[in-house]
Amino acid sequence: MYPNLKMAIFKRGLRQNHLAREVGIHEVVLSKIIHGFREPSSIQRARLSEYLCADEGWLFEKYMAESAESRAGAPSSQETNRGDS
């Protein structure tokens, strides 16, 4: 998931279908990109970041559930897989 992309679209008050038309991306493809089901091409990344006036690196930072859990102090997979023996 690209939460920064979703937030940038929301802050600009855009609808996904309008943004998709403006940057030349099919609506379904844009939705899949936003929700992390599809990786954007370099051209799509450039067009979206230019249209949204946002840094491309920031815009396409992915939400990593694993790193969020580890920052919150959740046990690592090694710790949870250890037996008591």
C-alpha atoms as a PDB file:
ATOM      1  CA  MET A   1       0.000   0.000   0.000  1.00  0.00           C
ATOM      2  CA  TYR A   2       1.167   3.515  -0.752  1.00  0.00           C
ATOM      3  CA  PRO A   3      -0.356   5.601   2.060  1.00  0.00           C
ATOM      4  CA  ASN A   4       1.473   8.783   0.994  1.00  0.00           C
ATOM      5  CA  LEU A   5       0.008   8.529  -2.502  1.00  0.00           C
ATOM      6  CA  LYS A   6      -3.458   8.041  -1.055  1.00  0.00           C
ATOM      7  CA  MET A   7      -2.976  10.986   1.310  1.00  0.00           C
ATOM      8  CA  ALA A   8      -1.693  13.278  -1.468  1.00  0.00           C
ATOM      9  CA  ILE A   9      -4.746  12.485  -3.591  1.00  0.00           C
ATOM     10  CA  PHE A  10      -7.052  13.140  -0.636  1.00  0.00           C
ATOM     11  CA  LYS A  11      -5.345  16.408   0.354  1.00  0.00           C
ATOM     12  CA  ARG A  12      -5.720  17.756  -3.172  1.00  0.00           C
ATOM     13  CA  GLY A  13      -9.406  16.829  -3.145  1.00  0.00           C
ATOM     14  CA  LEU A  14      -9.046  14.625  -6.216  1.00  0.00           C
ATOM     15  CA  ARG A  15     -11.103  11.662  -7.241  1.00  0.00           C
ATOM     16  CA  GLN A  16      -9.199   8.649  -8.474  1.00  0.00           C
ATOM     17  CA  ASN A  17     -11.046   8.613 -11.793  1.00  0.00           C
ATOM     18  CA  HIS A  18     -10.135  12.260 -12.448  1.00  0.00           C
ATOM     19  CA  LEU A  19      -6.481  11.704 -11.529  1.00  0.00           C
ATOM     20  CA  ALA A  20      -6.322   8.594 -13.705  1.00  0.00           C
ATOM     21  CA  ARG A  21      -7.623  10.536 -16.725  1.00  0.00           C
ATOM     22  CA  GLU A  22      -5.240  13.436 -16.116  1.00  0.00           C
ATOM     23  CA  VAL A  23      -2.115  11.270 -15.959  1.00  0.00           C
ATOM     24  CA  GLY A  24      -3.186   8.719 -18.586  1.00  0.00           C
ATOM     25  CA  ILE A  25      -3.581   5.681 -16.333  1.00  0.00           C
ATOM     26  CA  HIS A  26      -6.606   3.398 -16.389  1.00  0.00           C
ATOM     27  CA  GLU A  27      -8.736   3.807 -13.234  1.00  0.00           C
ATOM     28  CA  VAL A  28      -8.412   0.135 -12.274  1.00  0.00           C
ATOM     29  CA  VAL A  29      -4.625   0.274 -12.652  1.00  0.00           C
ATOM     30  CA  LEU A  30      -4.416   3.400 -10.482  1.00  0.00           C
ATOM     31  CA  SER A  31      -6.538   1.778  -7.791  1.00  0.00           C
ATOM     32  CA  LYS A  32      -4.288  -1.297  -7.789  1.00  0.00           C
ATOM     33  CA  ILE A  33      -1.201   0.924  -7.523  1.00  0.00           C
ATOM     34  CA  ILE A  34      -2.640   2.892  -4.590  1.00  0.00           C
ATOM     35  CA  HIS A  35      -3.561  -0.260  -2.693  1.00  0.00           C
ATOM     36  CA  GLY A  36      -0.252  -1.989  -3.386  1.00  0.00           C
ATOM     37  CA  PHE A  37      -1.542  -4.736  -5.667  1.00  0.00           C
ATOM     38  CA  ARG A  38       0.494  -3.446  -8.604  1.00  0.00           C
ATOM     39  CA  GLU A  39       3.865  -1.751  -8.903  1.00  0.00           C
ATOM     40  CA  PRO A  40       3.792   1.466 -10.917  1.00  0.00           C
ATOM     41  CA  SER A  41       6.085   1.782 -13.911  1.00  0.00           C
ATOM     42  CA  SER A  42       8.740   4.486 -13.855  1.00  0.00           C
ATOM     43  CA  ILE A  43       6.615   6.562 -16.248  1.00  0.00           C
ATOM     44  CA  GLN A  44       3.526   6.198 -14.030  1.00  0.00           C
ATOM     45  CA  ARG A  45       5.554   7.159 -10.951  1.00  0.00           C
ATOM     46  CA  ALA A  46       6.914  10.246 -12.706  1.00  0.00           C
ATOM     47  CA  ARG A  47       3.509  11.349 -14.024  1.00  0.00           C
ATOM     48  CA  LEU A  48       1.805  10.914 -10.652  1.00  0.00           C
ATOM     49  CA  SER A  49       4.516  12.687  -8.688  1.00  0.00           C
ATOM     50  CA  GLU A  50       4.586  15.557 -11.185  1.00  0.00           C
ATOM     51  CA  TYR A  51       0.801  15.960 -11.198  1.00  0.00           C
ATOM     52  CA  LEU A  52       0.584  15.782  -7.402  1.00  0.00           C
ATOM     53  CA  CYS A  53       3.648  18.062  -6.961  1.00  0.00           C
ATOM     54  CA  ALA A  54       5.198  15.542  -4.588  1.00  0.00           C
ATOM     55  CA  ASP A  55       8.590  13.903  -4.258  1.00  0.00           C
ATOM     56  CA  GLU A  56       8.512  10.559  -6.055  1.00  0.00           C
ATOM     57  CA  GLY A  57      10.459   8.753  -3.322  1.00  0.00           C
ATOM     58  CA  TRP A  58       8.094   9.979  -0.611  1.00  0.00           C
ATOM     59  CA  LEU A  59       4.971   9.381  -2.665  1.00  0.00           C
ATOM     60  CA  PHE A  60       5.838   5.742  -3.282  1.00  0.00           C
ATOM     61  CA  GLU A  61       7.037   4.719   0.163  1.00  0.00           C
ATOM     62  CA  LYS A  62       5.337   1.457   0.986  1.00  0.00           C
ATOM     63  CA  TYR A  63       3.639   0.683   4.259  1.00  0.00           C
ATOM     64  CA  MET A  64       5.500  -2.217   5.797  1.00  0.00           C
ATOM     65  CA  ALA A  65       3.409  -4.078   8.358  1.00  0.00           C
ATOM     66  CA  GLU A  66       6.422  -6.099   9.504  1.00  0.00           C
ATOM     67  CA  SER A  67       8.533  -3.084  10.358  1.00  0.00           C
ATOM     68  CA  ALA A  68       5.596  -1.419  12.116  1.00  0.00           C
ATOM     69  CA  GLU A  69       5.185  -4.505  14.285  1.00  0.00           C
ATOM     70  CA  SER A  70       8.879  -4.707  15.094  1.00  0.00           C
ATOM     71  CA  ARG A  71       8.959  -1.022  16.065  1.00  0.00           C
ATOM     72  CA  ALA A  72       6.021  -1.672  18.391  1.00  0.00           C
ATOM     73  CA  GLY A  73       7.988  -4.364  20.197  1.00  0.00           C
ATOM     74  CA  ALA A  74       6.260  -7.385  18.707  1.00  0.00           C
ATOM     75  CA  PRO A  75       8.339 -10.561  18.933  1.00  0.00           C
ATOM     76  CA  SER A  76      10.255 -11.483  15.813  1.00  0.00           C
ATOM     77  CA  SER A  77       9.405 -14.618  13.895  1.00  0.00           C
ATOM     78  CA  GLN A  78      12.525 -16.287  15.341  1.00  0.00           C
ATOM     79  CA  GLU A  79      11.359 -15.580  18.886  1.00  0.00           C
ATOM     80  CA  THR A  80       7.858 -16.926  18.250  1.00  0.00           C
ATOM     81  CA  ASN A  81       9.164 -20.089  16.541  1.00  0.00           C
ATOM     82  CA  ARG A  82      11.500 -21.076  19.388  1.00  0.00           C
ATOM     83  CA  GLY A  83      10.389 -24.008  21.436  1.00  0.00           C
ATOM     84  CA  ASP A  84      10.648 -24.170  25.199  1.00  0.00           C
ATOM     85  CA  SER A  85      13.007 -27.159  24.993  1.00  0.00           C
END
